[in-house]
């Protein structure tokens, strides 16, 4: 006969302590099953709700209600003398210009930094001339564009220190009516300037070209056939006592909205010139 020592349990009925442990285990299993079932059900409801919401937002009924609500908000704000602020994502800037009205082109001109960093000519978000594009040089850098479409016609660079003058004269004489002209200087824009070349550029709307001197920083936007003088021009005079870069002044900088089809138009500084 087997002897049960003290502290050992036999094969008899479960004691109260064992029943408690079993009850805890069963309760834990039941709660876990309920929780998992509830989470699955909740997930299904959320998915169904989102699906229904997306379908409703895309429905014609929602679009009609939204449009009517927006119209009513606009009318009420107008009656109070308030302006609505658009929540739409703002349009990306072009050449640093945030917005130009219809019928205008965005542009930005910057002269070179001394004889180290080249100038930049940007038009409608496209960098037409720059050091990166490797199409700039000492002297004056010029881009020509169609006045009606803004299409690039050509770009050119002329050495105004020891270059030849005939190509400059021929180039300027060949510019047709309604052509937009963008110019940015680099290093030396005026050492060999003649009165003839000054007159040809002045006819495009430039004022500063008549007194442009050696090592001046200069940018200009004009057109063949424009009426009067262009407001899109800046010159920083070279002055040994005030020059920012040794023998050269700081860079000239101008940008704004240039009118489409500028032929026989008067460029208005108040309407067109935009501070960068």
C-alpha atoms as a PDB file:
ATOM      1  CA  UNK A   1       0.000   0.000   0.000  1.00  0.00           C
ATOM      2  CA  UNK A   2       1.315   3.449  -1.051  1.00  0.00           C
ATOM      3  CA  UNK A   3       1.993   5.827   1.765  1.00  0.00           C
ATOM      4  CA  UNK A   4       1.164   9.499   1.164  1.00  0.00           C
ATOM      5  CA  UNK A   5       3.646  11.677   2.830  1.00  0.00           C
ATOM      6  CA  UNK A   6       2.845  15.007   4.340  1.00  0.00           C
ATOM      7  CA  UNK A   7       2.892  17.735   1.727  1.00  0.00           C
ATOM      8  CA  UNK A   8       2.006  15.383  -1.167  1.00  0.00           C
ATOM      9  CA  UNK A   9      -1.387  15.325  -2.876  1.00  0.00           C
ATOM     10  CA  UNK A  10      -3.158  12.254  -3.948  1.00  0.00           C
ATOM     11  CA  UNK A  11      -5.542  11.635  -6.822  1.00  0.00           C
ATOM     12  CA  UNK A  12      -8.621  12.678  -4.880  1.00  0.00           C
ATOM     13  CA  UNK A  13     -11.033  15.564  -5.612  1.00  0.00           C
ATOM     14  CA  UNK A  14      -9.680  19.072  -6.372  1.00  0.00           C
ATOM     15  CA  UNK A  15      -9.123  21.298  -3.452  1.00  0.00           C
ATOM     16  CA  UNK A  16     -10.567  24.840  -3.158  1.00  0.00           C
ATOM     17  CA  UNK A  17      -7.220  26.390  -4.081  1.00  0.00           C
ATOM     18  CA  UNK A  18      -7.066  24.363  -7.301  1.00  0.00           C
ATOM     19  CA  UNK A  19     -10.617  25.398  -8.229  1.00  0.00           C
ATOM     20  CA  UNK A  20      -9.642  29.045  -7.844  1.00  0.00           C
ATOM     21  CA  UNK A  21      -6.670  28.644 -10.152  1.00  0.00           C
ATOM     22  CA  UNK A  22      -8.776  26.884 -12.776  1.00  0.00           C
ATOM     23  CA  UNK A  23     -11.420  29.583 -12.571  1.00  0.00           C
ATOM     24  CA  UNK A  24      -8.788  32.300 -13.117  1.00  0.00           C
ATOM     25  CA  UNK A  25      -7.445  30.502 -16.198  1.00  0.00           C
ATOM     26  CA  UNK A  26     -10.912  30.016 -17.702  1.00  0.00           C
ATOM     27  CA  UNK A  27     -11.864  33.631 -16.991  1.00  0.00           C
ATOM     28  CA  UNK A  28      -8.669  34.883 -18.652  1.00  0.00           C
ATOM     29  CA  UNK A  29      -9.355  32.790 -21.751  1.00  0.00           C
ATOM     30  CA  UNK A  30     -12.938  34.057 -21.942  1.00  0.00           C
ATOM     31  CA  UNK A  31     -11.954  37.717 -21.579  1.00  0.00           C
ATOM     32  CA  UNK A  32      -9.233  37.358 -24.213  1.00  0.00           C
ATOM     33  CA  UNK A  33     -11.709  35.825 -26.671  1.00  0.00           C
ATOM     34  CA  UNK A  34     -14.247  38.602 -26.028  1.00  0.00           C
ATOM     35  CA  UNK A  35     -11.630  41.321 -26.479  1.00  0.00           C
ATOM     36  CA  UNK A  36     -10.336  39.885 -29.756  1.00  0.00           C
ATOM     37  CA  UNK A  37     -13.884  39.466 -31.076  1.00  0.00           C
ATOM     38  CA  UNK A  38     -14.755  43.060 -30.106  1.00  0.00           C
ATOM     39  CA  UNK A  39     -11.656  44.495 -31.790  1.00  0.00           C
ATOM     40  CA  UNK A  40     -12.407  42.608 -34.990  1.00  0.00           C
ATOM     41  CA  UNK A  41     -15.996  43.810 -34.980  1.00  0.00           C
ATOM     42  CA  UNK A  42     -14.937  47.393 -34.273  1.00  0.00           C
ATOM     43  CA  UNK A  43     -12.390  47.295 -37.102  1.00  0.00           C
ATOM     44  CA  UNK A  44     -15.031  46.067 -39.531  1.00  0.00           C
ATOM     45  CA  UNK A  45     -17.395  48.865 -38.514  1.00  0.00           C
ATOM     46  CA  UNK A  46     -14.692  51.505 -38.897  1.00  0.00           C
ATOM     47  CA  UNK A  47     -13.779  50.225 -42.352  1.00  0.00           C
ATOM     48  CA  UNK A  48     -17.437  50.197 -43.377  1.00  0.00           C
ATOM     49  CA  UNK A  49     -17.924  53.691 -41.992  1.00  0.00           C
ATOM     50  CA  UNK A  50     -14.906  55.083 -43.824  1.00  0.00           C
ATOM     51  CA  UNK A  51     -15.980  53.386 -47.004  1.00  0.00           C
ATOM     52  CA  UNK A  52     -19.456  54.847 -46.753  1.00  0.00           C
ATOM     53  CA  UNK A  53     -18.041  58.297 -45.944  1.00  0.00           C
ATOM     54  CA  UNK A  54     -15.711  58.258 -48.918  1.00  0.00           C
ATOM     55  CA  UNK A  55     -18.558  57.229 -51.168  1.00  0.00           C
ATOM     56  CA  UNK A  56     -20.756  60.005 -49.833  1.00  0.00           C
ATOM     57  CA  UNK A  57     -18.023  62.648 -50.267  1.00  0.00           C
ATOM     58  CA  UNK A  58     -17.642  61.589 -53.883  1.00  0.00           C
ATOM     59  CA  UNK A  59     -21.374  61.609 -54.531  1.00  0.00           C
ATOM     60  CA  UNK A  60     -23.125  64.312 -56.554  1.00  0.00           C
ATOM     61  CA  UNK A  61     -25.337  65.103 -53.560  1.00  0.00           C
ATOM     62  CA  UNK A  62     -22.345  65.996 -51.374  1.00  0.00           C
ATOM     63  CA  UNK A  63     -20.780  68.106 -54.130  1.00  0.00           C
ATOM     64  CA  UNK A  64     -24.039  70.026 -54.540  1.00  0.00           C
ATOM     65  CA  UNK A  65     -24.401  70.620 -50.790  1.00  0.00           C
ATOM     66  CA  UNK A  66     -20.742  71.727 -50.541  1.00  0.00           C
ATOM     67  CA  UNK A  67     -21.071  74.162 -53.444  1.00  0.00           C
ATOM     68  CA  UNK A  68     -24.269  75.687 -52.029  1.00  0.00           C
ATOM     69  CA  UNK A  69     -22.622  76.056 -48.620  1.00  0.00           C
ATOM     70  CA  UNK A  70     -19.579  77.780 -50.104  1.00  0.00           C
ATOM     71  CA  UNK A  71     -21.803  80.178 -52.067  1.00  0.00           C
ATOM     72  CA  UNK A  72     -23.776  81.045 -48.953  1.00  0.00           C
ATOM     73  CA  UNK A  73     -20.581  81.650 -46.951  1.00  0.00           C
ATOM     74  CA  UNK A  74     -19.294  83.908 -49.712  1.00  0.00           C
ATOM     75  CA  UNK A  75     -22.522  85.945 -49.793  1.00  0.00           C
ATOM     76  CA  UNK A  76     -22.599  86.404 -46.042  1.00  0.00           C
ATOM     77  CA  UNK A  77     -18.947  87.476 -45.870  1.00  0.00           C
ATOM     78  CA  UNK A  78     -19.449  89.883 -48.763  1.00  0.00           C
ATOM     79  CA  UNK A  79     -22.406  91.455 -46.956  1.00  0.00           C
ATOM     80  CA  UNK A  80     -20.108  92.079 -43.990  1.00  0.00           C
ATOM     81  CA  UNK A  81     -17.401  93.583 -46.160  1.00  0.00           C
ATOM     82  CA  UNK A  82     -15.055  90.618 -45.598  1.00  0.00           C
ATOM     83  CA  UNK A  83     -12.904  88.757 -48.070  1.00  0.00           C
ATOM     84  CA  UNK A  84     -12.614  85.023 -48.157  1.00  0.00           C
ATOM     85  CA  UNK A  85      -9.174  83.496 -47.890  1.00  0.00           C
ATOM     86  CA  UNK A  86      -8.687  80.538 -50.151  1.00  0.00           C
ATOM     87  CA  UNK A  87      -7.738  77.287 -48.430  1.00  0.00           C
ATOM     88  CA  UNK A  88      -6.363  75.933 -51.684  1.00  0.00           C
ATOM     89  CA  UNK A  89      -2.652  75.229 -51.879  1.00  0.00           C
ATOM     90  CA  UNK A  90      -0.898  78.350 -53.181  1.00  0.00           C
ATOM     91  CA  UNK A  91       0.512  78.171 -56.677  1.00  0.00           C
ATOM     92  CA  UNK A  92       4.267  77.637 -56.832  1.00  0.00           C
ATOM     93  CA  UNK A  93       6.334  80.746 -57.460  1.00  0.00           C
ATOM     94  CA  UNK A  94       8.060  81.441 -60.762  1.00  0.00           C
ATOM     95  CA  UNK A  95      11.525  82.998 -60.557  1.00  0.00           C
ATOM     96  CA  UNK A  96      10.721  84.059 -56.989  1.00  0.00           C
ATOM     97  CA  UNK A  97       7.519  85.850 -58.071  1.00  0.00           C
ATOM     98  CA  UNK A  98       4.504  84.471 -56.218  1.00  0.00           C
ATOM     99  CA  UNK A  99       1.868  85.431 -58.738  1.00  0.00           C
ATOM    100  CA  UNK A 100       1.385  87.364 -61.960  1.00  0.00           C
ATOM    101  CA  UNK A 101      -2.014  88.250 -63.467  1.00  0.00           C
ATOM    102  CA  UNK A 102      -3.167  86.782 -66.739  1.00  0.00           C
ATOM    103  CA  UNK A 103      -1.378  88.350 -69.674  1.00  0.00           C
ATOM    104  CA  UNK A 104       1.946  88.791 -67.855  1.00  0.00           C
ATOM    105  CA  UNK A 105       5.185  86.832 -67.616  1.00  0.00           C
ATOM    106  CA  UNK A 106       7.146  86.348 -64.373  1.00  0.00           C
ATOM    107  CA  UNK A 107      10.845  87.159 -64.573  1.00  0.00           C
ATOM    108  CA  UNK A 108      13.875  87.875 -62.401  1.00  0.00           C
ATOM    109  CA  UNK A 109      17.264  89.318 -63.322  1.00  0.00           C
ATOM    110  CA  UNK A 110      20.417  89.414 -61.226  1.00  0.00           C
ATOM    111  CA  UNK A 111      23.795  90.764 -62.286  1.00  0.00           C
ATOM    112  CA  UNK A 112      27.034  88.946 -61.594  1.00  0.00           C
ATOM    113  CA  UNK A 113      29.044  89.140 -58.395  1.00  0.00           C
ATOM    114  CA  UNK A 114      32.291  90.948 -59.246  1.00  0.00           C
ATOM    115  CA  UNK A 115      34.161  88.778 -61.740  1.00  0.00           C
ATOM    116  CA  UNK A 116      33.555  85.576 -59.780  1.00  0.00           C
ATOM    117  CA  UNK A 117      29.884  84.556 -59.840  1.00  0.00           C
ATOM    118  CA  UNK A 118      27.919  84.914 -63.060  1.00  0.00           C
ATOM    119  CA  UNK A 119      24.544  86.595 -63.571  1.00  0.00           C
ATOM    120  CA  UNK A 120      21.143  84.909 -63.734  1.00  0.00           C
ATOM    121  CA  UNK A 121      18.256  85.458 -66.110  1.00  0.00           C
ATOM    122  CA  UNK A 122      15.037  83.664 -65.136  1.00  0.00           C
ATOM    123  CA  UNK A 123      11.777  83.769 -67.111  1.00  0.00           C
ATOM    124  CA  UNK A 124       8.517  81.983 -66.273  1.00  0.00           C
ATOM    125  CA  UNK A 125      10.297  79.691 -63.841  1.00  0.00           C
ATOM    126  CA  UNK A 126      13.032  78.707 -66.306  1.00  0.00           C
ATOM    127  CA  UNK A 127      16.663  79.700 -65.718  1.00  0.00           C
ATOM    128  CA  UNK A 128      17.612  80.873 -69.206  1.00  0.00           C
ATOM    129  CA  UNK A 129      21.152  82.026 -68.442  1.00  0.00           C
ATOM    130  CA  UNK A 130      23.408  81.243 -65.475  1.00  0.00           C
ATOM    131  CA  UNK A 131      26.765  79.856 -64.475  1.00  0.00           C
ATOM    132  CA  UNK A 132      25.186  76.437 -64.002  1.00  0.00           C
ATOM    133  CA  UNK A 133      23.829  76.545 -67.549  1.00  0.00           C
ATOM    134  CA  UNK A 134      27.337  77.535 -68.667  1.00  0.00           C
ATOM    135  CA  UNK A 135      26.024  80.107 -71.161  1.00  0.00           C
ATOM    136  CA  UNK A 136      27.087  83.410 -69.581  1.00  0.00           C
ATOM    137  CA  UNK A 137      30.194  85.509 -69.987  1.00  0.00           C
ATOM    138  CA  UNK A 138      31.971  88.756 -69.155  1.00  0.00           C
ATOM    139  CA  UNK A 139      30.131  91.813 -70.452  1.00  0.00           C
ATOM    140  CA  UNK A 140      26.394  91.815 -71.189  1.00  0.00           C
ATOM    141  CA  UNK A 141      24.238  88.675 -71.297  1.00  0.00           C
ATOM    142  CA  UNK A 142      21.037  88.910 -73.326  1.00  0.00           C
ATOM    143  CA  UNK A 143      17.939  86.698 -73.711  1.00  0.00           C
ATOM    144  CA  UNK A 144      15.301  87.362 -76.383  1.00  0.00           C
ATOM    145  CA  UNK A 145      11.743  86.022 -76.128  1.00  0.00           C
ATOM    146  CA  UNK A 146       8.591  86.185 -78.198  1.00  0.00           C
ATOM    147  CA  UNK A 147       6.295  88.837 -76.788  1.00  0.00           C
ATOM    148  CA  UNK A 148       3.103  86.897 -77.479  1.00  0.00           C
ATOM    149  CA  UNK A 149       4.043  83.437 -76.186  1.00  0.00           C
ATOM    150  CA  UNK A 150       7.193  83.935 -74.104  1.00  0.00           C
ATOM    151  CA  UNK A 151       9.036  81.391 -76.238  1.00  0.00           C
ATOM    152  CA  UNK A 152      12.807  81.720 -76.040  1.00  0.00           C
ATOM    153  CA  UNK A 153      14.236  82.978 -79.324  1.00  0.00           C
ATOM    154  CA  UNK A 154      17.921  83.054 -78.444  1.00  0.00           C
ATOM    155  CA  UNK A 155      20.499  83.888 -75.794  1.00  0.00           C
ATOM    156  CA  UNK A 156      23.799  85.683 -76.372  1.00  0.00           C
ATOM    157  CA  UNK A 157      26.790  87.090 -74.506  1.00  0.00           C
ATOM    158  CA  UNK A 158      29.076  89.889 -75.594  1.00  0.00           C
ATOM    159  CA  UNK A 159      32.457  90.738 -74.114  1.00  0.00           C
ATOM    160  CA  UNK A 160      32.368  94.481 -73.426  1.00  0.00           C
ATOM    161  CA  UNK A 161      36.002  94.724 -72.348  1.00  0.00           C
ATOM    162  CA  UNK A 162      37.995  93.650 -75.372  1.00  0.00           C
ATOM    163  CA  UNK A 163      35.373  92.013 -77.590  1.00  0.00           C
ATOM    164  CA  UNK A 164      34.296  93.014 -81.102  1.00  0.00           C
ATOM    165  CA  UNK A 165      31.563  95.638 -81.511  1.00  0.00           C
ATOM    166  CA  UNK A 166      30.128  94.607 -84.882  1.00  0.00           C
ATOM    167  CA  UNK A 167      28.382  91.448 -83.560  1.00  0.00           C
ATOM    168  CA  UNK A 168      26.738  93.509 -80.799  1.00  0.00           C
ATOM    169  CA  UNK A 169      25.416  96.084 -83.283  1.00  0.00           C
ATOM    170  CA  UNK A 170      24.168  93.407 -85.673  1.00  0.00           C
ATOM    171  CA  UNK A 171      22.445  91.506 -82.876  1.00  0.00           C
ATOM    172  CA  UNK A 172      20.633  94.578 -81.519  1.00  0.00           C
ATOM    173  CA  UNK A 173      19.588  95.766 -84.974  1.00  0.00           C
ATOM    174  CA  UNK A 174      18.063  92.369 -85.769  1.00  0.00           C
ATOM    175  CA  UNK A 175      15.670  92.393 -82.783  1.00  0.00           C
ATOM    176  CA  UNK A 176      12.102  92.410 -84.149  1.00  0.00           C
ATOM    177  CA  UNK A 177       9.068  94.268 -82.885  1.00  0.00           C
ATOM    178  CA  UNK A 178       7.209  92.754 -79.917  1.00  0.00           C
ATOM    179  CA  UNK A 179      10.358  90.955 -78.723  1.00  0.00           C
ATOM    180  CA  UNK A 180      11.093  90.927 -74.977  1.00  0.00           C
ATOM    181  CA  UNK A 181      14.720  91.721 -74.130  1.00  0.00           C
ATOM    182  CA  UNK A 182      16.354  90.674 -70.839  1.00  0.00           C
ATOM    183  CA  UNK A 183      19.900  91.825 -70.014  1.00  0.00           C
ATOM    184  CA  UNK A 184      22.226  91.167 -67.062  1.00  0.00           C
ATOM    185  CA  UNK A 185      25.805  92.398 -66.719  1.00  0.00           C
ATOM    186  CA  UNK A 186      28.860  90.514 -65.491  1.00  0.00           C
ATOM    187  CA  UNK A 187      32.258  91.912 -64.518  1.00  0.00           C
ATOM    188  CA  UNK A 188      32.628  94.637 -67.168  1.00  0.00           C
ATOM    189  CA  UNK A 189      29.585  95.919 -69.119  1.00  0.00           C
ATOM    190  CA  UNK A 190      30.738  99.282 -70.497  1.00  0.00           C
ATOM    191  CA  UNK A 191      34.463  99.514 -71.216  1.00  0.00           C
ATOM    192  CA  UNK A 192      33.997  99.580 -75.001  1.00  0.00           C
ATOM    193  CA  UNK A 193      30.384 100.790 -75.141  1.00  0.00           C
ATOM    194  CA  UNK A 194      29.823 103.184 -78.050  1.00  0.00           C
ATOM    195  CA  UNK A 195      27.144 105.806 -78.475  1.00  0.00           C
ATOM    196  CA  UNK A 196      25.597 103.661 -81.217  1.00  0.00           C
ATOM    197  CA  UNK A 197      25.167 100.655 -78.922  1.00  0.00           C
ATOM    198  CA  UNK A 198      23.860 102.857 -76.121  1.00  0.00           C
ATOM    199  CA  UNK A 199      21.249 104.291 -78.504  1.00  0.00           C
ATOM    200  CA  UNK A 200      20.136 100.846 -79.702  1.00  0.00           C
ATOM    201  CA  UNK A 201      19.614  99.621 -76.120  1.00  0.00           C
ATOM    202  CA  UNK A 202      17.957 102.892 -75.142  1.00  0.00           C
ATOM    203  CA  UNK A 203      15.408 102.309 -77.933  1.00  0.00           C
ATOM    204  CA  UNK A 204      14.392  99.110 -76.114  1.00  0.00           C
ATOM    205  CA  UNK A 205      13.325 101.163 -73.077  1.00  0.00           C
ATOM    206  CA  UNK A 206      16.563 101.530 -71.112  1.00  0.00           C
ATOM    207  CA  UNK A 207      17.451 104.746 -69.292  1.00  0.00           C
ATOM    208  CA  UNK A 208      20.564 103.709 -67.396  1.00  0.00           C
ATOM    209  CA  UNK A 209      22.423 102.556 -70.516  1.00  0.00           C
ATOM    210  CA  UNK A 210      23.131 106.186 -71.444  1.00  0.00           C
ATOM    211  CA  UNK A 211      25.330 106.679 -68.360  1.00  0.00           C
ATOM    212  CA  UNK A 212      26.431 103.084 -67.685  1.00  0.00           C
ATOM    213  CA  UNK A 213      30.106 103.100 -66.700  1.00  0.00           C
ATOM    214  CA  UNK A 214      32.938 100.635 -66.251  1.00  0.00           C
ATOM    215  CA  UNK A 215      32.272  97.870 -63.693  1.00  0.00           C
ATOM    216  CA  UNK A 216      28.737  99.066 -62.921  1.00  0.00           C
ATOM    217  CA  UNK A 217      26.256  96.309 -62.001  1.00  0.00           C
ATOM    218  CA  UNK A 218      23.260  96.489 -64.353  1.00  0.00           C
ATOM    219  CA  UNK A 219      20.067  94.582 -65.174  1.00  0.00           C
ATOM    220  CA  UNK A 220      17.338  95.565 -67.614  1.00  0.00           C
ATOM    221  CA  UNK A 221      14.074  94.213 -69.063  1.00  0.00           C
ATOM    222  CA  UNK A 222      12.543  95.934 -72.073  1.00  0.00           C
ATOM    223  CA  UNK A 223      11.116  95.263 -75.507  1.00  0.00           C
ATOM    224  CA  UNK A 224      11.307  96.346 -79.100  1.00  0.00           C
ATOM    225  CA  UNK A 225       8.476  98.769 -79.749  1.00  0.00           C
ATOM    226  CA  UNK A 226       7.597  99.576 -76.136  1.00  0.00           C
ATOM    227  CA  UNK A 227       6.326 103.085 -75.444  1.00  0.00           C
ATOM    228  CA  UNK A 228       8.473 105.174 -73.121  1.00  0.00           C
ATOM    229  CA  UNK A 229      11.005 103.810 -70.665  1.00  0.00           C
ATOM    230  CA  UNK A 230      10.973 100.552 -68.783  1.00  0.00           C
ATOM    231  CA  UNK A 231      10.635 100.533 -64.978  1.00  0.00           C
ATOM    232  CA  UNK A 232      12.413  97.173 -64.903  1.00  0.00           C
ATOM    233  CA  UNK A 233      15.977  98.405 -64.661  1.00  0.00           C
ATOM    234  CA  UNK A 234      18.560  98.850 -61.940  1.00  0.00           C
ATOM    235  CA  UNK A 235      22.171  99.974 -61.938  1.00  0.00           C
ATOM    236  CA  UNK A 236      24.564  99.964 -58.990  1.00  0.00           C
ATOM    237  CA  UNK A 237      27.359 102.419 -59.713  1.00  0.00           C
ATOM    238  CA  UNK A 238      30.947 101.361 -59.140  1.00  0.00           C
ATOM    239  CA  UNK A 239      32.522 103.530 -56.452  1.00  0.00           C
ATOM    240  CA  UNK A 240      35.903 102.646 -54.997  1.00  0.00           C
ATOM    241  CA  UNK A 241      34.939 104.071 -51.615  1.00  0.00           C
ATOM    242  CA  UNK A 242      31.666 102.116 -51.405  1.00  0.00           C
ATOM    243  CA  UNK A 243      32.136  98.996 -53.518  1.00  0.00           C
ATOM    244  CA  UNK A 244      31.057  95.803 -51.790  1.00  0.00           C
ATOM    245  CA  UNK A 245      33.318  93.391 -53.659  1.00  0.00           C
ATOM    246  CA  UNK A 246      36.694  95.103 -53.917  1.00  0.00           C
ATOM    247  CA  UNK A 247      36.672  96.764 -57.320  1.00  0.00           C
ATOM    248  CA  UNK A 248      32.995  95.963 -57.970  1.00  0.00           C
ATOM    249  CA  UNK A 249      29.699  97.135 -56.407  1.00  0.00           C
ATOM    250  CA  UNK A 250      26.952  94.877 -55.088  1.00  0.00           C
ATOM    251  CA  UNK A 251      24.697  93.046 -57.514  1.00  0.00           C
ATOM    252  CA  UNK A 252      21.767  94.677 -59.301  1.00  0.00           C
ATOM    253  CA  UNK A 253      18.489  92.872 -58.887  1.00  0.00           C
ATOM    254  CA  UNK A 254      15.053  93.355 -60.468  1.00  0.00           C
ATOM    255  CA  UNK A 255      12.000  91.201 -61.105  1.00  0.00           C
ATOM    256  CA  UNK A 256       8.279  91.323 -61.594  1.00  0.00           C
ATOM    257  CA  UNK A 257       5.547  90.732 -64.150  1.00  0.00           C
ATOM    258  CA  UNK A 258       6.293  91.707 -67.724  1.00  0.00           C
ATOM    259  CA  UNK A 259       3.294  92.333 -70.024  1.00  0.00           C
ATOM    260  CA  UNK A 260       2.490  89.963 -72.812  1.00  0.00           C
ATOM    261  CA  UNK A 261       2.624  91.579 -76.279  1.00  0.00           C
ATOM    262  CA  UNK A 262       4.507  94.703 -75.107  1.00  0.00           C
ATOM    263  CA  UNK A 263       4.501  96.322 -78.562  1.00  0.00           C
ATOM    264  CA  UNK A 264       3.036  99.846 -78.313  1.00  0.00           C
ATOM    265  CA  UNK A 265       2.441  99.411 -74.572  1.00  0.00           C
ATOM    266  CA  UNK A 266       3.599 101.706 -71.796  1.00  0.00           C
ATOM    267  CA  UNK A 267       5.181  99.800 -68.943  1.00  0.00           C
ATOM    268  CA  UNK A 268       3.674 100.936 -65.644  1.00  0.00           C
ATOM    269  CA  UNK A 269       5.878 100.732 -62.575  1.00  0.00           C
ATOM    270  CA  UNK A 270       2.977 100.807 -60.093  1.00  0.00           C
ATOM    271  CA  UNK A 271       1.135  97.925 -61.722  1.00  0.00           C
ATOM    272  CA  UNK A 272       3.959  95.702 -62.813  1.00  0.00           C
ATOM    273  CA  UNK A 273       7.021  95.984 -60.615  1.00  0.00           C
ATOM    274  CA  UNK A 274       6.920  93.500 -57.752  1.00  0.00           C
ATOM    275  CA  UNK A 275       9.283  93.658 -54.807  1.00  0.00           C
ATOM    276  CA  UNK A 276      11.137  90.385 -54.341  1.00  0.00           C
END
